[in-house]
């Protein structure tokens, strides 16, 4: 009889300190490679094979530092460049890097979310003032401010049916949901969960719409239902998980970046990530 698969047991996937304490991203391509920012030094993107071997993929332009990463429907890599106030685009074949979107009035951007139609969203925290904003990037490559005067916006994600946008506020420890239409407009803001302690960072949804949120400083991942009910909390191997992405052959392997260890953890989930349900 085959042993039952163990879910939500996180373990190291890469060696410690291969990435800097600014390790973020991550995003997984169709071949199962994991892409993570700040490989060895700031301003780089590292590529990790399905076997856990890490190497340099690209150096970003001078003055640029990556944070969240997403792939669009064309397989192009989009990177939140928080020091350059850009979203950068990488042609995966030629590795050519271009500016997909830029706006001087952004604080960062920090993390990215993307609809199936390639409309993009960016969280935009101001850490010094514990405030934040949400921006949309349309197919024309222009930033549009959706909401200002928020808390420290950080993790951001789109539901599997593209009808809900989720945003969390790290310092305020709140998770918000918005109704989302096909044009990327948001409405009906509502609070779905609050935490009493520790911060939050990146988050992703599975195909059932459950939210997986990194608890930065606590060293755990929480799984919330689409309506914000706490379903599960489990530990990772470091105290500062910064972001998460789903991958693997079946989309059920989750990769977690750990800032205190400079490495990536992984665990198996019961459901595939939304990004792999295409």
Protein backbone atom coordinates (compact mmCIF):
# COMPACT_ATOMS: atom_id res chain seq x y z
CA UNK A 1 0.00 0.00 0.00
CA UNK A 2 1.39 3.37 -1.01
CA UNK A 3 2.14 5.74 1.84
CA UNK A 4 -0.24 8.66 2.03
CA UNK A 5 1.38 11.89 0.89
CA UNK A 6 2.27 14.32 3.64
CA UNK A 7 0.99 17.85 3.12
CA UNK A 8 2.09 21.16 4.67
CA UNK A 9 5.43 19.86 5.93
CA UNK A 10 7.99 22.46 4.88
CA UNK A 11 11.67 21.65 4.36
CA UNK A 12 14.72 23.39 2.83
CA UNK A 13 14.95 23.18 -0.96
CA UNK A 14 18.14 25.18 -1.58
CA UNK A 15 21.31 25.77 0.43
CA UNK A 16 21.41 28.55 3.01
CA UNK A 17 22.82 31.96 2.04
CA UNK A 18 22.82 31.41 -1.73
CA UNK A 19 20.50 34.41 -1.85
CA UNK A 20 20.74 37.64 0.12
CA UNK A 21 18.44 38.61 3.00
CA UNK A 22 16.43 40.43 0.31
CA UNK A 23 15.32 37.10 -1.20
CA UNK A 24 11.87 37.50 -2.75
CA UNK A 25 9.95 36.58 -5.87
CA UNK A 26 9.35 33.70 -6.37
CA UNK A 27 7.76 32.57 -9.64
CA UNK A 28 7.82 29.24 -11.46
CA UNK A 29 7.99 28.68 -15.22
CA UNK A 30 6.29 25.87 -17.13
CA UNK A 31 9.45 23.75 -16.94
CA UNK A 32 9.40 23.91 -13.15
CA UNK A 33 12.30 26.32 -12.69
CA UNK A 34 11.93 28.74 -9.77
CA UNK A 35 13.04 32.36 -10.24
CA UNK A 36 13.99 34.39 -7.18
CA UNK A 37 15.52 37.85 -6.75
CA UNK A 38 18.91 38.70 -5.25
CA UNK A 39 21.01 35.63 -6.03
CA UNK A 40 24.35 36.25 -4.31
CA UNK A 41 23.95 40.01 -4.47
CA UNK A 42 21.24 42.65 -4.90
CA UNK A 43 20.08 43.48 -8.42
CA UNK A 44 20.09 39.92 -9.73
CA UNK A 45 17.60 37.19 -10.58
CA UNK A 46 18.52 33.61 -9.74
CA UNK A 47 17.20 30.47 -11.43
CA UNK A 48 16.68 27.30 -9.40
CA UNK A 49 16.13 24.02 -11.23
CA UNK A 50 13.54 21.47 -10.06
CA UNK A 51 16.47 19.67 -8.40
CA UNK A 52 17.36 22.71 -6.29
CA UNK A 53 20.47 23.88 -8.18
CA UNK A 54 20.70 27.67 -8.16
CA UNK A 55 22.52 29.87 -10.69
CA UNK A 56 22.50 33.43 -11.97
CA UNK A 57 19.81 34.07 -14.59
CA UNK A 58 20.14 37.82 -15.25
CA UNK A 59 21.64 40.98 -13.82
CA UNK A 60 19.09 43.77 -13.65
CA UNK A 61 19.91 47.24 -15.01
CA UNK A 62 21.97 49.47 -12.72
CA UNK A 63 19.77 51.05 -10.07
CA UNK A 64 17.14 48.32 -10.23
CA UNK A 65 16.35 45.83 -7.45
CA UNK A 66 13.75 43.13 -7.84
CA UNK A 67 11.02 42.12 -5.43
CA UNK A 68 7.86 40.27 -6.54
CA UNK A 69 7.92 38.27 -9.81
CA UNK A 70 5.09 37.06 -12.05
CA UNK A 71 4.80 35.44 -15.48
CA UNK A 72 2.23 36.72 -17.97
CA UNK A 73 0.26 34.62 -20.46
CA UNK A 74 3.07 34.98 -23.03
CA UNK A 75 5.60 33.48 -20.63
CA UNK A 76 7.37 36.80 -20.12
CA UNK A 77 8.74 37.54 -16.67
CA UNK A 78 7.50 40.68 -14.92
CA UNK A 79 9.51 42.00 -11.98
CA UNK A 80 8.61 44.63 -9.38
CA UNK A 81 11.69 46.88 -9.37
CA UNK A 82 11.27 48.76 -6.12
CA UNK A 83 14.35 50.99 -6.33
CA UNK A 84 13.64 52.00 -9.94
CA UNK A 85 9.86 52.50 -9.51
CA UNK A 86 9.40 50.13 -12.44
CA UNK A 87 7.89 46.91 -13.53
CA UNK A 88 10.57 45.26 -15.65
CA UNK A 89 9.93 42.70 -18.39
CA UNK A 90 12.32 39.89 -19.27
CA UNK A 91 12.23 38.03 -22.58
CA UNK A 92 12.98 34.52 -21.34
CA UNK A 93 14.63 33.37 -24.58
CA UNK A 94 16.96 36.33 -25.19
CA UNK A 95 17.08 37.45 -21.52
CA UNK A 96 16.63 41.01 -22.77
CA UNK A 97 15.27 43.30 -20.05
CA UNK A 98 13.01 46.27 -20.76
CA UNK A 99 10.89 48.67 -18.71
CA UNK A 100 7.28 47.49 -18.94
CA UNK A 101 5.88 50.28 -16.76
CA UNK A 102 7.25 53.23 -14.75
CA UNK A 103 5.78 55.89 -12.48
CA UNK A 104 7.72 58.43 -10.42
CA UNK A 105 5.03 58.67 -7.74
CA UNK A 106 5.33 55.06 -6.60
CA UNK A 107 7.00 54.38 -3.28
CA UNK A 108 8.26 51.03 -4.55
CA UNK A 109 6.51 48.77 -6.08
CA UNK A 110 6.66 45.68 -3.83
CA UNK A 111 4.63 42.67 -4.96
CA UNK A 112 2.64 41.86 -8.10
CA UNK A 113 -0.59 40.06 -8.99
CA UNK A 114 -1.90 39.32 -12.46
CA UNK A 115 -5.25 38.55 -14.08
CA UNK A 116 -5.65 35.93 -16.79
CA UNK A 117 -5.97 38.80 -19.30
CA UNK A 118 -2.53 40.11 -18.19
CA UNK A 119 -3.78 43.16 -16.30
CA UNK A 120 -1.30 43.61 -13.48
CA UNK A 121 -1.58 44.93 -9.92
CA UNK A 122 1.18 46.23 -7.68
CA UNK A 123 1.27 46.78 -3.93
CA UNK A 124 3.12 49.94 -2.96
CA UNK A 125 4.04 50.28 0.73
CA UNK A 126 5.70 53.25 2.40
CA UNK A 127 7.44 51.47 5.26
CA UNK A 128 8.65 54.65 6.97
CA UNK A 129 5.11 55.97 7.38
CA UNK A 130 3.25 52.61 7.64
CA UNK A 131 1.07 53.57 4.67
CA UNK A 132 0.49 52.12 1.24
CA UNK A 133 -1.26 52.18 -2.11
CA UNK A 134 -2.56 49.83 -4.83
CA UNK A 135 -1.76 50.40 -8.49
CA UNK A 136 -2.96 48.76 -11.68
CA UNK A 137 -0.84 48.36 -14.80
CA UNK A 138 -2.96 48.00 -17.92
CA UNK A 139 -2.00 46.37 -21.19
CA UNK A 140 -0.77 49.80 -22.31
CA UNK A 141 1.97 49.65 -19.68
CA UNK A 142 0.60 52.59 -17.70
CA UNK A 143 0.27 52.75 -13.91
CA UNK A 144 -3.16 53.79 -12.59
CA UNK A 145 -3.65 54.48 -8.87
CA UNK A 146 -6.57 52.40 -7.55
CA UNK A 147 -6.42 53.25 -3.87
CA UNK A 148 -4.27 55.48 -1.65
CA UNK A 149 -4.25 56.09 2.12
CA UNK A 150 -4.04 52.43 3.03
CA UNK A 151 -1.84 50.63 5.52
CA UNK A 152 1.44 49.02 4.43
CA UNK A 153 0.17 47.16 1.38
CA UNK A 154 2.28 44.10 0.69
CA UNK A 155 0.97 40.71 -0.46
CA UNK A 156 -1.45 40.91 -3.38
CA UNK A 157 -3.28 38.22 -5.35
CA UNK A 158 -6.16 37.57 -7.78
CA UNK A 159 -8.74 34.82 -7.19
CA UNK A 160 -8.97 31.88 -9.62
CA UNK A 161 -12.13 33.28 -11.25
CA UNK A 162 -10.52 36.74 -11.58
CA UNK A 163 -13.44 38.28 -9.66
CA UNK A 164 -11.64 39.12 -6.39
CA UNK A 165 -8.45 41.04 -5.58
CA UNK A 166 -6.81 40.31 -2.23
CA UNK A 167 -4.38 42.72 -0.55
CA UNK A 168 -2.76 42.49 2.87
CA UNK A 169 -1.31 45.22 5.10
CA UNK A 170 1.80 44.06 6.95
CA UNK A 171 1.98 46.48 9.86
CA UNK A 172 -1.79 46.63 10.39
CA UNK A 173 -2.06 42.80 10.06
CA UNK A 174 -5.21 43.00 7.93
CA UNK A 175 -6.29 41.10 4.82
CA UNK A 176 -8.68 42.90 2.46
CA UNK A 177 -10.78 41.69 -0.46
CA UNK A 178 -12.22 43.71 -3.35
CA UNK A 179 -14.64 42.83 -6.11
CA UNK A 180 -12.76 42.85 -9.41
CA UNK A 181 -14.11 43.32 -12.93
CA UNK A 182 -12.62 42.38 -16.31
CA UNK A 183 -11.14 45.87 -16.73
CA UNK A 184 -9.25 45.62 -13.45
CA UNK A 185 -11.48 48.05 -11.55
CA UNK A 186 -12.03 47.32 -7.85
CA UNK A 187 -15.04 47.91 -5.58
CA UNK A 188 -16.76 46.61 -2.43
CA UNK A 189 -13.69 46.66 -0.17
CA UNK A 190 -14.11 44.38 2.82
CA UNK A 191 -11.95 43.08 5.67
CA UNK A 192 -11.76 39.29 5.65
CA UNK A 193 -9.13 38.58 8.34
CA UNK A 194 -7.07 40.30 11.03
CA UNK A 195 -4.10 38.90 12.94
CA UNK A 196 -3.18 39.82 16.52
CA UNK A 197 0.58 39.52 16.14
CA UNK A 198 3.43 39.37 13.63
CA UNK A 199 3.46 40.71 10.10
CA UNK A 200 2.53 39.37 6.69
CA UNK A 201 4.33 39.38 3.39
CA UNK A 202 3.54 37.66 0.09
CA UNK A 203 0.54 35.46 -0.64
CA UNK A 204 -0.87 33.17 -3.34
CA UNK A 205 -4.12 31.30 -3.96
CA UNK A 206 -4.72 27.69 -4.89
CA UNK A 207 -7.28 26.59 -7.49
CA UNK A 208 -9.97 26.49 -4.81
CA UNK A 209 -9.32 30.13 -3.97
CA UNK A 210 -7.69 29.47 -0.60
CA UNK A 211 -5.08 32.06 0.39
CA UNK A 212 -1.59 31.03 1.51
CA UNK A 213 0.04 33.92 3.39
CA UNK A 214 3.60 34.16 4.69
CA UNK A 215 3.78 35.26 8.34
CA UNK A 216 7.00 37.26 8.39
CA UNK A 217 8.68 37.11 11.80
CA UNK A 218 6.57 34.18 12.98
CA UNK A 219 8.00 31.58 10.63
CA UNK A 220 4.68 30.16 9.48
CA UNK A 221 2.34 29.96 6.52
CA UNK A 222 -1.39 30.40 7.09
CA UNK A 223 -4.07 29.00 4.82
CA UNK A 224 -7.28 31.04 4.72
CA UNK A 225 -10.52 30.21 2.95
CA UNK A 226 -11.63 32.64 0.22
CA UNK A 227 -13.79 34.36 2.86
CA UNK A 228 -10.95 34.64 5.36
CA UNK A 229 -11.55 31.68 7.68
CA UNK A 230 -8.31 30.36 9.18
CA UNK A 231 -8.01 26.77 7.93
CA UNK A 232 -4.44 25.86 8.82
CA UNK A 233 -1.12 27.26 10.07
CA UNK A 234 2.18 25.44 9.76
CA UNK A 235 5.86 26.19 10.25
CA UNK A 236 8.62 26.75 7.71
CA UNK A 237 12.34 26.31 8.46
CA UNK A 238 13.04 30.04 8.98
CA UNK A 239 11.41 32.87 10.88
CA UNK A 240 11.18 35.36 8.00
CA UNK A 241 9.25 33.90 5.07
CA UNK A 242 8.87 36.65 2.48
CA UNK A 243 6.85 35.16 -0.38
CA UNK A 244 5.42 32.02 -1.90
CA UNK A 245 4.69 30.49 -5.31
CA UNK A 246 3.28 27.20 -6.56
CA UNK A 247 4.98 24.92 -9.05
CA UNK A 248 6.09 21.37 -9.64
CA UNK A 249 4.78 18.96 -12.26
CA UNK A 250 1.26 19.09 -10.81
CA UNK A 251 1.30 22.63 -9.41
CA UNK A 252 1.02 21.32 -5.85
CA UNK A 253 4.57 22.07 -4.71
CA UNK A 254 4.85 25.44 -2.99
CA UNK A 255 8.15 27.32 -2.74
CA UNK A 256 8.74 29.79 0.10
CA UNK A 257 11.56 32.36 0.19
CA UNK A 258 13.20 32.79 3.62
CA UNK A 259 15.01 36.04 4.33
CA UNK A 260 16.79 34.97 7.51
CA UNK A 261 18.26 31.86 5.87
CA UNK A 262 18.76 33.22 2.34
CA UNK A 263 17.20 30.09 0.90
CA UNK A 264 13.97 28.50 -0.35
CA UNK A 265 11.73 26.03 1.47
CA UNK A 266 9.15 23.83 -0.18
CA UNK A 267 6.06 21.91 0.86
CA UNK A 268 3.30 19.90 -0.78
CA UNK A 269 -0.25 21.24 -0.92
CA UNK A 270 -3.53 19.41 -1.40
CA UNK A 271 -4.47 21.63 -4.33
CA UNK A 272 -2.53 23.16 -7.20
CA UNK A 273 -1.77 26.85 -7.29
CA UNK A 274 -3.99 29.08 -9.40
CA UNK A 275 -1.11 29.90 -11.77
CA UNK A 276 -1.00 26.29 -12.95
CA UNK A 277 -4.69 25.91 -13.69
CA UNK A 278 -4.49 27.18 -17.25
